[in-house]
Protein backbone atom coordinates (compact mmCIF):
# COMPACT_ATOMS: atom_id res chain seq x y z
CA UNK A 1 -22.66 -1.51 -0.40
CA UNK A 2 -21.17 -4.74 -1.73
CA UNK A 3 -23.50 -7.70 -2.25
CA UNK A 4 -22.27 -11.11 -1.11
CA UNK A 5 -22.09 -12.47 -4.64
CA UNK A 6 -20.98 -16.12 -5.07
CA UNK A 7 -17.38 -15.05 -5.78
CA UNK A 8 -17.16 -13.21 -2.46
CA UNK A 9 -18.74 -16.08 -0.55
CA UNK A 10 -16.25 -18.48 -2.15
CA UNK A 11 -13.38 -16.16 -1.24
CA UNK A 12 -14.58 -15.94 2.38
CA UNK A 13 -14.81 -19.72 2.57
CA UNK A 14 -11.30 -20.03 1.16
CA UNK A 15 -9.95 -17.59 3.77
CA UNK A 16 -11.69 -19.58 6.50
CA UNK A 17 -10.32 -22.89 5.21
CA UNK A 18 -6.77 -21.73 4.44
CA UNK A 19 -6.14 -19.23 7.21
CA UNK A 20 -8.70 -19.90 9.92
CA UNK A 21 -10.68 -16.68 9.54
CA UNK A 22 -14.12 -16.49 11.09
CA UNK A 23 -16.50 -16.81 8.14
CA UNK A 24 -19.36 -14.86 9.72
CA UNK A 25 -17.07 -12.00 10.75
CA UNK A 26 -15.60 -11.74 7.25
CA UNK A 27 -19.02 -11.82 5.62
CA UNK A 28 -20.09 -8.99 7.95
CA UNK A 29 -16.99 -6.98 6.97
CA UNK A 30 -17.73 -7.42 3.26
CA UNK A 31 -21.38 -6.44 3.74
CA UNK A 32 -20.13 -3.12 5.14
CA UNK A 33 -17.73 -2.62 2.24
CA UNK A 34 -18.44 -0.24 -0.63
CA UNK A 35 -18.05 -0.92 -4.33
CA UNK A 36 -16.39 2.21 -5.73
CA UNK A 37 -16.85 2.64 -9.47
CA UNK A 38 -14.54 5.66 -9.36
CA UNK A 39 -11.69 3.22 -8.63
CA UNK A 40 -12.43 1.22 -11.76
CA UNK A 41 -12.36 4.42 -13.83
CA UNK A 42 -9.06 5.42 -12.22
CA UNK A 43 -7.53 2.02 -12.95
CA UNK A 44 -8.33 2.47 -16.63
CA UNK A 45 -6.47 5.80 -16.76
CA UNK A 46 -3.50 5.58 -14.37
CA UNK A 47 -0.97 8.40 -14.31
CA UNK A 48 1.86 5.86 -14.36
CA UNK A 49 0.84 4.83 -17.88
CA UNK A 50 2.09 8.17 -19.22
CA UNK A 51 5.15 8.22 -21.47
CA UNK A 52 8.34 9.10 -19.60
CA UNK A 53 8.59 12.72 -20.83
CA UNK A 54 5.07 13.43 -19.51
CA UNK A 55 5.56 11.44 -16.30
CA UNK A 56 8.84 13.26 -15.60
CA UNK A 57 7.29 16.68 -16.20
CA UNK A 58 4.48 15.89 -13.76
CA UNK A 59 6.52 14.26 -10.98
CA UNK A 60 10.00 15.79 -11.08
CA UNK A 61 9.31 19.40 -10.27
CA UNK A 62 11.32 22.10 -8.52
CA UNK A 63 8.89 21.95 -5.58
CA UNK A 64 9.31 18.19 -5.22
CA UNK A 65 13.11 18.43 -5.44
CA UNK A 66 13.06 21.11 -2.74
CA UNK A 67 10.80 18.94 -0.59
CA UNK A 68 13.18 16.02 -1.16
CA UNK A 69 16.18 17.98 0.06
CA UNK A 70 14.20 19.02 3.14
CA UNK A 71 13.14 15.40 3.77
CA UNK A 72 16.75 14.23 3.37
CA UNK A 73 18.00 16.88 5.81
CA UNK A 74 15.32 16.09 8.41
CA UNK A 75 15.89 12.32 8.26
CA UNK A 76 19.59 12.17 7.43
CA UNK A 77 20.51 9.85 10.30
CA UNK A 78 17.77 7.34 9.41
CA UNK A 79 18.67 7.46 5.71
CA UNK A 80 22.36 6.88 6.46
CA UNK A 81 21.49 3.98 8.75
CA UNK A 82 19.20 2.38 6.15
CA UNK A 83 21.74 2.96 3.38
CA UNK A 84 24.47 1.25 5.38
CA UNK A 85 22.31 -1.63 6.59
CA UNK A 86 20.72 -2.48 3.25
CA UNK A 87 23.51 -1.22 0.95
CA UNK A 88 21.18 1.10 -0.94
CA UNK A 89 22.07 4.69 -1.94
CA UNK A 90 20.02 7.14 0.16
CA UNK A 91 18.97 9.06 -2.95
CA UNK A 92 17.05 5.97 -4.17
CA UNK A 93 15.14 5.81 -0.88
CA UNK A 94 14.34 9.53 -0.99
CA UNK A 95 13.34 9.43 -4.66
CA UNK A 96 11.02 6.45 -4.15
CA UNK A 97 9.18 8.11 -1.27
CA UNK A 98 9.05 11.38 -3.19
CA UNK A 99 7.46 9.86 -6.28
CA UNK A 100 5.02 7.73 -4.30
CA UNK A 101 3.57 10.20 -1.81
CA UNK A 102 5.52 13.49 -1.99
CA UNK A 103 7.38 12.44 1.16
CA UNK A 104 4.33 11.23 3.03
CA UNK A 105 2.03 14.14 2.20
CA UNK A 106 -0.37 12.15 0.01
CA UNK A 107 -0.86 8.64 1.31
CA UNK A 108 -4.45 8.19 0.12
CA UNK A 109 -7.92 8.69 1.52
CA UNK A 110 -9.71 5.57 0.30
CA UNK A 111 -10.51 2.58 2.48
CA UNK A 112 -8.01 -0.11 1.53
CA UNK A 113 -10.68 -2.76 2.06
CA UNK A 114 -13.11 -0.93 -0.24
CA UNK A 115 -10.44 -0.50 -2.92
CA UNK A 116 -9.22 -4.09 -2.89
CA UNK A 117 -12.75 -5.54 -2.72
CA UNK A 118 -13.84 -3.42 -5.68
CA UNK A 119 -10.83 -4.50 -7.76
CA UNK A 120 -10.88 -8.13 -6.67
CA UNK A 121 -14.52 -8.73 -7.59
CA UNK A 122 -15.57 -6.00 -10.05
CA UNK A 123 -12.47 -5.51 -12.21
CA UNK A 124 -12.11 -8.77 -14.16
CA UNK A 125 -9.00 -7.72 -16.06
CA UNK A 126 -6.85 -7.89 -12.93
CA UNK A 127 -9.12 -9.74 -10.50
CA UNK A 128 -6.62 -12.51 -9.75
CA UNK A 129 -3.90 -10.05 -8.75
CA UNK A 130 -6.21 -8.05 -6.51
CA UNK A 131 -7.79 -11.11 -4.88
CA UNK A 132 -4.29 -12.13 -3.86
CA UNK A 133 -3.67 -8.63 -2.49
CA UNK A 134 -6.98 -8.74 -0.64
CA UNK A 135 -5.91 -12.02 0.94
CA UNK A 136 -2.58 -10.44 1.91
CA UNK A 137 -4.39 -7.43 3.36
CA UNK A 138 -6.64 -9.56 5.56
CA UNK A 139 -3.57 -11.42 6.85
CA UNK A 140 -1.69 -8.15 7.39
CA UNK A 141 -4.57 -6.61 9.33
CA UNK A 142 -4.87 -9.69 11.53
CA UNK A 143 -1.12 -9.88 12.18
CA UNK A 144 -0.93 -6.22 13.17
CA UNK A 145 -4.24 -5.98 15.03
CA UNK A 146 -5.56 -3.37 12.58
CA UNK A 147 -9.34 -3.01 12.20
CA UNK A 148 -10.18 -3.85 8.59
CA UNK A 149 -11.94 -0.57 7.84
CA UNK A 150 -9.39 1.69 9.50
CA UNK A 151 -6.58 1.76 6.91
CA UNK A 152 -6.70 4.36 4.15
CA UNK A 153 -4.62 4.22 1.00
CA UNK A 154 -4.56 4.71 -2.74
CA UNK A 155 -7.32 3.76 -5.19
CA UNK A 156 -5.34 0.58 -5.91
CA UNK A 157 -5.02 -0.39 -2.23
CA UNK A 158 -1.43 0.78 -1.69
CA UNK A 159 -0.59 1.68 1.90
CA UNK A 160 1.47 4.22 3.78
CA UNK A 161 4.35 6.58 3.08
CA UNK A 162 5.98 4.25 0.50
CA UNK A 163 2.66 3.01 -0.95
CA UNK A 164 3.34 -0.71 -0.59
CA UNK A 165 0.68 -3.14 -1.73
CA UNK A 166 -0.30 -5.52 1.11
CA UNK A 167 1.81 -8.38 -0.27
CA UNK A 168 4.87 -6.12 -0.42
CA UNK A 169 4.05 -4.76 3.04
CA UNK A 170 4.10 -8.27 4.51
CA UNK A 171 7.25 -9.22 2.59
CA UNK A 172 9.44 -6.12 2.86
CA UNK A 173 8.23 -3.92 5.73
CA UNK A 174 10.66 -3.70 8.65
CA UNK A 175 10.43 -2.29 12.17
CA UNK A 176 13.16 0.32 11.68
CA UNK A 177 12.40 2.42 14.77
CA UNK A 178 12.44 -0.58 17.12
CA UNK A 179 8.98 -0.07 18.60
CA UNK A 180 7.89 -3.64 17.81
CA UNK A 181 5.50 -2.68 14.98
CA UNK A 182 6.02 -2.49 11.22
CA UNK A 183 4.01 0.68 10.56
CA UNK A 184 4.34 2.22 7.10
CA UNK A 185 2.44 5.27 8.26
CA UNK A 186 5.65 6.18 10.12
CA UNK A 187 8.66 7.68 8.35
CA UNK A 188 11.32 5.57 10.09
CA UNK A 189 9.72 2.24 9.23
CA UNK A 190 9.05 3.51 5.71
CA UNK A 191 12.68 4.46 5.11
CA UNK A 192 13.92 1.08 6.31
CA UNK A 193 11.25 -0.77 4.39
CA UNK A 194 11.95 1.00 1.10
CA UNK A 195 15.65 0.25 1.50
CA UNK A 196 14.87 -3.41 2.23
CA UNK A 197 12.59 -3.62 -0.81
CA UNK A 198 15.15 -2.05 -3.15
CA UNK A 199 17.93 -4.31 -1.88
CA UNK A 200 15.89 -7.52 -2.24
């Protein structure tokens, strides 16, 4: 479990002052959060740091290309709509989702709150970036009525089919299926959101 070290208490106070969060409720949430040292190890050896020839060999495989064609066929109407609305080639949308999560098959199994808390307070090299993303995540969860401990994502706190960080989620996610919710766990919203992000 995470200890309420002075940095976390200061962050909670800042969230209460700036955004009106309930201080006691946030402190309770952080007390139930886990520090995951495995995340810190993963951050120091990310797959995306590979040189292009190794990255390409790992991510652009025959199986992934086949899965991409299947994804394109299944969601052709949505891809054409997003391409027209945001003026983005559909292949860029498909490729982005393919590289990020193999078309939604691997969206992450780690608590987003655990990941962002670990990186915001126990990974000094990028603490400022991840504290900002933690702030964005708390706002996102409140805006969408999502319980803080319910969202799973990557070891870096990326969320959903397109693996948006919370700040990108709040900035670029769109309700592309018209159900009144911007939910990046859904393919339709993810396609529209990726197109919006690329076009911005």
